[in-house]
């Protein structure tokens, strides 16, 4: 289970980007909630990814 937690940050970034890519042709960009949730997911994913990289580093 721990090996999947380490990759959860990257998965959040991918899901956020994928929701933006899918939402654009479907016309979901008129609503701020969808755009902000996707942007929040990307930012949280980047923070989590950097945190797990720092945590696993030897230095």
PDB file of N, CA and C in Angstrom:
ATOM      1  N   UNK A   1       0.821  -1.197   0.000  1.00  0.00           N
ATOM      2  CA  UNK A   1       0.000   0.000   0.000  1.00  0.00           C
ATOM      3  C   UNK A   1       0.862   1.257   0.000  1.00  0.00           C
ATOM      4  N   UNK A   2       2.020   1.204   0.693  1.00  0.00           N
ATOM      5  CA  UNK A   2       2.875   2.387   0.762  1.00  0.00           C
ATOM      6  C   UNK A   2       3.431   2.775  -0.601  1.00  0.00           C
ATOM      7  N   UNK A   3       3.660   1.790  -1.457  1.00  0.00           N
ATOM      8  CA  UNK A   3       4.217   2.137  -2.765  1.00  0.00           C
ATOM      9  C   UNK A   3       3.222   2.919  -3.612  1.00  0.00           C
ATOM     10  N   UNK A   4       1.931   2.741  -3.359  1.00  0.00           N
ATOM     11  CA  UNK A   4       0.926   3.500  -4.096  1.00  0.00           C
ATOM     12  C   UNK A   4       0.731   4.908  -3.533  1.00  0.00           C
ATOM     13  N   UNK A   5       0.957   5.059  -2.246  1.00  0.00           N
ATOM     14  CA  UNK A   5       0.828   6.379  -1.636  1.00  0.00           C
ATOM     15  C   UNK A   5       1.907   7.312  -2.167  1.00  0.00           C
ATOM     16  N   UNK A   6       3.095   6.787  -2.426  1.00  0.00           N
ATOM     17  CA  UNK A   6       4.175   7.614  -2.947  1.00  0.00           C
ATOM     18  C   UNK A   6       3.877   8.153  -4.339  1.00  0.00           C
ATOM     19  N   UNK A   7       3.057   7.474  -5.088  1.00  0.00           N
ATOM     20  CA  UNK A   7       2.717   7.910  -6.442  1.00  0.00           C
ATOM     21  C   UNK A   7       1.395   8.662  -6.514  1.00  0.00           C
ATOM     22  N   UNK A   8       0.782   8.914  -5.371  1.00  0.00           N
ATOM     23  CA  UNK A   8      -0.524   9.572  -5.369  1.00  0.00           C
ATOM     24  C   UNK A   8      -0.444  11.029  -5.826  1.00  0.00           C
ATOM     25  N   UNK A   9       0.669  11.715  -5.569  1.00  0.00           N
ATOM     26  CA  UNK A   9       0.821  13.097  -6.016  1.00  0.00           C
ATOM     27  C   UNK A   9       0.816  13.202  -7.525  1.00  0.00           C
ATOM     28  N   UNK A  10       1.567  12.306  -8.170  1.00  0.00           N
ATOM     29  CA  UNK A  10       1.606  12.303  -9.630  1.00  0.00           C
ATOM     30  C   UNK A  10       0.254  11.945 -10.213  1.00  0.00           C
ATOM     31  N   UNK A  11      -0.461  11.039  -9.556  1.00  0.00           N
ATOM     32  CA  UNK A  11      -1.794  10.658 -10.032  1.00  0.00           C
ATOM     33  C   UNK A  11      -2.771  11.829  -9.921  1.00  0.00           C
ATOM     34  N   UNK A  12      -2.657  12.623  -8.858  1.00  0.00           N
ATOM     35  CA  UNK A  12      -3.532  13.791  -8.707  1.00  0.00           C
ATOM     36  C   UNK A  12      -3.262  14.823  -9.792  1.00  0.00           C
ATOM     37  N   UNK A  13      -1.997  15.021 -10.137  1.00  0.00           N
ATOM     38  CA  UNK A  13      -1.656  15.957 -11.215  1.00  0.00           C
ATOM     39  C   UNK A  13      -2.252  15.467 -12.528  1.00  0.00           C
ATOM     40  N   UNK A  14      -2.113  14.182 -12.798  1.00  0.00           N
ATOM     41  CA  UNK A  14      -2.661  13.627 -14.041  1.00  0.00           C
ATOM     42  C   UNK A  14      -4.182  13.721 -14.085  1.00  0.00           C
ATOM     43  N   UNK A  15      -4.851  13.442 -12.973  1.00  0.00           N
ATOM     44  CA  UNK A  15      -6.309  13.534 -12.945  1.00  0.00           C
ATOM     45  C   UNK A  15      -6.792  14.974 -13.104  1.00  0.00           C
ATOM     46  N   UNK A  16      -6.091  15.921 -12.498  1.00  0.00           N
ATOM     47  CA  UNK A  16      -6.456  17.321 -12.655  1.00  0.00           C
ATOM     48  C   UNK A  16      -6.293  17.795 -14.088  1.00  0.00           C
ATOM     49  N   UNK A  17      -5.174  17.416 -14.701  1.00  0.00           N
ATOM     50  CA  UNK A  17      -4.945  17.800 -16.100  1.00  0.00           C
ATOM     51  C   UNK A  17      -5.944  17.106 -17.020  1.00  0.00           C
ATOM     52  N   UNK A  18      -6.237  15.854 -16.731  1.00  0.00           N
ATOM     53  CA  UNK A  18      -7.198  15.117 -17.554  1.00  0.00           C
ATOM     54  C   UNK A  18      -8.593  15.710 -17.452  1.00  0.00           C
ATOM     55  N   UNK A  19      -8.971  16.168 -16.269  1.00  0.00           N
ATOM     56  CA  UNK A  19     -10.292  16.782 -16.131  1.00  0.00           C
ATOM     57  C   UNK A  19     -10.373  18.105 -16.886  1.00  0.00           C
ATOM     58  N   UNK A  20      -9.274  18.844 -16.935  1.00  0.00           N
ATOM     59  CA  UNK A  20      -9.267  20.068 -17.743  1.00  0.00           C
ATOM     60  C   UNK A  20      -9.338  19.758 -19.234  1.00  0.00           C
ATOM     61  N   UNK A  21      -8.614  18.725 -19.657  1.00  0.00           N
ATOM     62  CA  UNK A  21      -8.607  18.353 -21.075  1.00  0.00           C
ATOM     63  C   UNK A  21      -9.978  17.847 -21.505  1.00  0.00           C
ATOM     64  N   UNK A  22     -10.612  17.037 -20.678  1.00  0.00           N
ATOM     65  CA  UNK A  22     -11.936  16.500 -21.015  1.00  0.00           C
ATOM     66  C   UNK A  22     -13.012  17.574 -20.886  1.00  0.00           C
ATOM     67  N   UNK A  23     -12.870  18.443 -19.902  1.00  0.00           N
ATOM     68  CA  UNK A  23     -13.894  19.459 -19.659  1.00  0.00           C
ATOM     69  C   UNK A  23     -13.966  20.534 -20.727  1.00  0.00           C
ATOM     70  N   UNK A  24     -12.872  20.796 -21.399  1.00  0.00           N
ATOM     71  CA  UNK A  24     -12.875  21.855 -22.410  1.00  0.00           C
ATOM     72  C   UNK A  24     -13.799  21.539 -23.587  1.00  0.00           C
ATOM     73  N   UNK A  25     -13.679  20.387 -24.254  1.00  0.00           N
ATOM     74  CA  UNK A  25     -14.595  20.142 -25.382  1.00  0.00           C
ATOM     75  C   UNK A  25     -16.041  19.896 -24.958  1.00  0.00           C
ATOM     76  N   UNK A  26     -16.252  19.485 -23.700  1.00  0.00           N
ATOM     77  CA  UNK A  26     -17.620  19.254 -23.231  1.00  0.00           C
ATOM     78  C   UNK A  26     -18.306  20.528 -22.761  1.00  0.00           C
ATOM     79  N   UNK A  27     -17.569  21.628 -22.712  1.00  0.00           N
ATOM     80  CA  UNK A  27     -18.168  22.909 -22.352  1.00  0.00           C
ATOM     81  C   UNK A  27     -18.309  23.133 -20.863  1.00  0.00           C
ATOM     82  N   UNK A  28     -17.519  22.435 -20.054  1.00  0.00           N
ATOM     83  CA  UNK A  28     -17.595  22.592 -18.606  1.00  0.00           C
ATOM     84  C   UNK A  28     -16.769  23.764 -18.108  1.00  0.00           C
ATOM     85  N   UNK A  29     -16.156  24.519 -18.994  1.00  0.00           N
ATOM     86  CA  UNK A  29     -15.291  25.621 -18.574  1.00  0.00           C
ATOM     87  C   UNK A  29     -16.080  26.879 -18.220  1.00  0.00           C
ATOM     88  N   UNK A  30     -17.384  26.835 -18.345  1.00  0.00           N
ATOM     89  CA  UNK A  30     -18.207  27.983 -17.963  1.00  0.00           C
ATOM     90  C   UNK A  30     -18.401  28.071 -16.454  1.00  0.00           C
ATOM     91  N   UNK A  31     -18.073  27.016 -15.748  1.00  0.00           N
ATOM     92  CA  UNK A  31     -18.293  26.962 -14.305  1.00  0.00           C
ATOM     93  C   UNK A  31     -16.958  27.031 -13.570  1.00  0.00           C
ATOM     94  N   UNK A  32     -16.856  27.970 -12.644  1.00  0.00           N
ATOM     95  CA  UNK A  32     -15.617  28.141 -11.907  1.00  0.00           C
ATOM     96  C   UNK A  32     -15.320  26.970 -10.989  1.00  0.00           C
ATOM     97  N   UNK A  33     -16.331  26.276 -10.512  1.00  0.00           N
ATOM     98  CA  UNK A  33     -16.117  25.168  -9.583  1.00  0.00           C
ATOM     99  C   UNK A  33     -15.288  24.057 -10.228  1.00  0.00           C
ATOM    100  N   UNK A  34     -15.580  23.729 -11.465  1.00  0.00           N
ATOM    101  CA  UNK A  34     -14.829  22.685 -12.147  1.00  0.00           C
ATOM    102  C   UNK A  34     -13.395  23.131 -12.401  1.00  0.00           C
ATOM    103  N   UNK A  35     -13.209  24.367 -12.831  1.00  0.00           N
ATOM    104  CA  UNK A  35     -11.866  24.862 -13.101  1.00  0.00           C
ATOM    105  C   UNK A  35     -11.038  24.967 -11.833  1.00  0.00           C
ATOM    106  N   UNK A  36     -11.644  25.452 -10.762  1.00  0.00           N
ATOM    107  CA  UNK A  36     -10.909  25.591  -9.505  1.00  0.00           C
ATOM    108  C   UNK A  36     -10.603  24.240  -8.871  1.00  0.00           C
ATOM    109  N   UNK A  37     -11.517  23.294  -8.995  1.00  0.00           N
ATOM    110  CA  UNK A  37     -11.236  21.968  -8.431  1.00  0.00           C
ATOM    111  C   UNK A  37     -10.117  21.272  -9.203  1.00  0.00           C
ATOM    112  N   UNK A  38     -10.091  21.422 -10.512  1.00  0.00           N
ATOM    113  CA  UNK A  38      -9.007  20.831 -11.300  1.00  0.00           C
ATOM    114  C   UNK A  38      -7.681  21.521 -10.985  1.00  0.00           C
ATOM    115  N   UNK A  39      -7.690  22.838 -10.866  1.00  0.00           N
ATOM    116  CA  UNK A  39      -6.463  23.558 -10.524  1.00  0.00           C
ATOM    117  C   UNK A  39      -6.003  23.210  -9.112  1.00  0.00           C
ATOM    118  N   UNK A  40      -6.934  23.076  -8.182  1.00  0.00           N
ATOM    119  CA  UNK A  40      -6.586  22.678  -6.817  1.00  0.00           C
ATOM    120  C   UNK A  40      -6.011  21.278  -6.766  1.00  0.00           C
ATOM    121  N   UNK A  41      -6.561  20.380  -7.586  1.00  0.00           N
ATOM    122  CA  UNK A  41      -6.040  19.023  -7.628  1.00  0.00           C
ATOM    123  C   UNK A  41      -4.616  18.996  -8.183  1.00  0.00           C
ATOM    124  N   UNK A  42      -4.349  19.819  -9.191  1.00  0.00           N
ATOM    125  CA  UNK A  42      -3.002  19.886  -9.766  1.00  0.00           C
ATOM    126  C   UNK A  42      -2.023  20.451  -8.746  1.00  0.00           C
ATOM    127  N   UNK A  43      -2.394  21.519  -8.071  1.00  0.00           N
ATOM    128  CA  UNK A  43      -1.499  22.138  -7.087  1.00  0.00           C
ATOM    129  C   UNK A  43      -1.250  21.189  -5.919  1.00  0.00           C
ATOM    130  N   UNK A  44      -2.299  20.549  -5.417  1.00  0.00           N
ATOM    131  CA  UNK A  44      -2.139  19.596  -4.310  1.00  0.00           C
ATOM    132  C   UNK A  44      -1.297  18.400  -4.747  1.00  0.00           C
ATOM    133  N   UNK A  45      -1.453  17.978  -5.973  1.00  0.00           N
ATOM    134  CA  UNK A  45      -0.652  16.864  -6.488  1.00  0.00           C
ATOM    135  C   UNK A  45       0.815  17.216  -6.605  1.00  0.00           C
ATOM    136  N   UNK A  46       1.109  18.425  -7.036  1.00  0.00           N
ATOM    137  CA  UNK A  46       2.502  18.862  -7.131  1.00  0.00           C
ATOM    138  C   UNK A  46       3.126  18.944  -5.743  1.00  0.00           C
ATOM    139  N   UNK A  47       2.385  19.498  -4.797  1.00  0.00           N
ATOM    140  CA  UNK A  47       2.897  19.598  -3.422  1.00  0.00           C
ATOM    141  C   UNK A  47       3.129  18.209  -2.835  1.00  0.00           C
ATOM    142  N   UNK A  48       2.200  17.294  -3.035  1.00  0.00           N
ATOM    143  CA  UNK A  48       2.352  15.936  -2.512  1.00  0.00           C
ATOM    144  C   UNK A  48       3.514  15.207  -3.184  1.00  0.00           C
ATOM    145  N   UNK A  49       3.658  15.398  -4.483  1.00  0.00           N
ATOM    146  CA  UNK A  49       4.737  14.745  -5.214  1.00  0.00           C
ATOM    147  C   UNK A  49       6.100  15.229  -4.727  1.00  0.00           C
ATOM    148  N   UNK A  50       6.250  16.521  -4.545  1.00  0.00           N
ATOM    149  CA  UNK A  50       7.512  17.077  -4.042  1.00  0.00           C
ATOM    150  C   UNK A  50       7.764  16.606  -2.612  1.00  0.00           C
ATOM    151  N   UNK A  51       6.719  16.560  -1.791  1.00  0.00           N
ATOM    152  CA  UNK A  51       6.866  16.102  -0.411  1.00  0.00           C
ATOM    153  C   UNK A  51       7.370  14.661  -0.361  1.00  0.00           C
ATOM    154  N   UNK A  52       6.770  13.776  -1.162  1.00  0.00           N
ATOM    155  CA  UNK A  52       7.185  12.384  -1.140  1.00  0.00           C
ATOM    156  C   UNK A  52       8.584  12.207  -1.726  1.00  0.00           C
ATOM    157  N   UNK A  53       8.959  13.016  -2.712  1.00  0.00           N
ATOM    158  CA  UNK A  53      10.322  12.948  -3.228  1.00  0.00           C
ATOM    159  C   UNK A  53      11.338  13.386  -2.167  1.00  0.00           C
ATOM    160  N   UNK A  54      11.034  14.453  -1.447  1.00  0.00           N
ATOM    161  CA  UNK A  54      11.913  14.932  -0.377  1.00  0.00           C
ATOM    162  C   UNK A  54      11.997  13.906   0.749  1.00  0.00           C
ATOM    163  N   UNK A  55      10.880  13.276   1.081  1.00  0.00           N
ATOM    164  CA  UNK A  55      10.830  12.328   2.180  1.00  0.00           C
ATOM    165  C   UNK A  55      11.665  11.083   1.871  1.00  0.00           C
ATOM    166  N   UNK A  56      11.664  10.641   0.612  1.00  0.00           N
ATOM    167  CA  UNK A  56      12.402   9.442   0.236  1.00  0.00           C
ATOM    168  C   UNK A  56      13.880   9.698  -0.060  1.00  0.00           C
ATOM    169  N   UNK A  57      14.251  10.965  -0.153  1.00  0.00           N
ATOM    170  CA  UNK A  57      15.627  11.310  -0.474  1.00  0.00           C
ATOM    171  C   UNK A  57      16.558  11.030   0.698  1.00  0.00           C
ATOM    172  N   UNK A  58      17.795  10.721   0.405  1.00  0.00           N
ATOM    173  CA  UNK A  58      18.780  10.476   1.451  1.00  0.00           C
ATOM    174  C   UNK A  58      19.343  11.762   2.021  1.00  0.00           C
ATOM    175  N   UNK A  59      19.202  12.851   1.302  1.00  0.00           N
ATOM    176  CA  UNK A  59      19.875  14.087   1.702  1.00  0.00           C
ATOM    177  C   UNK A  59      18.976  15.004   2.471  1.00  0.00           C
TER     178      UNK A  59
END
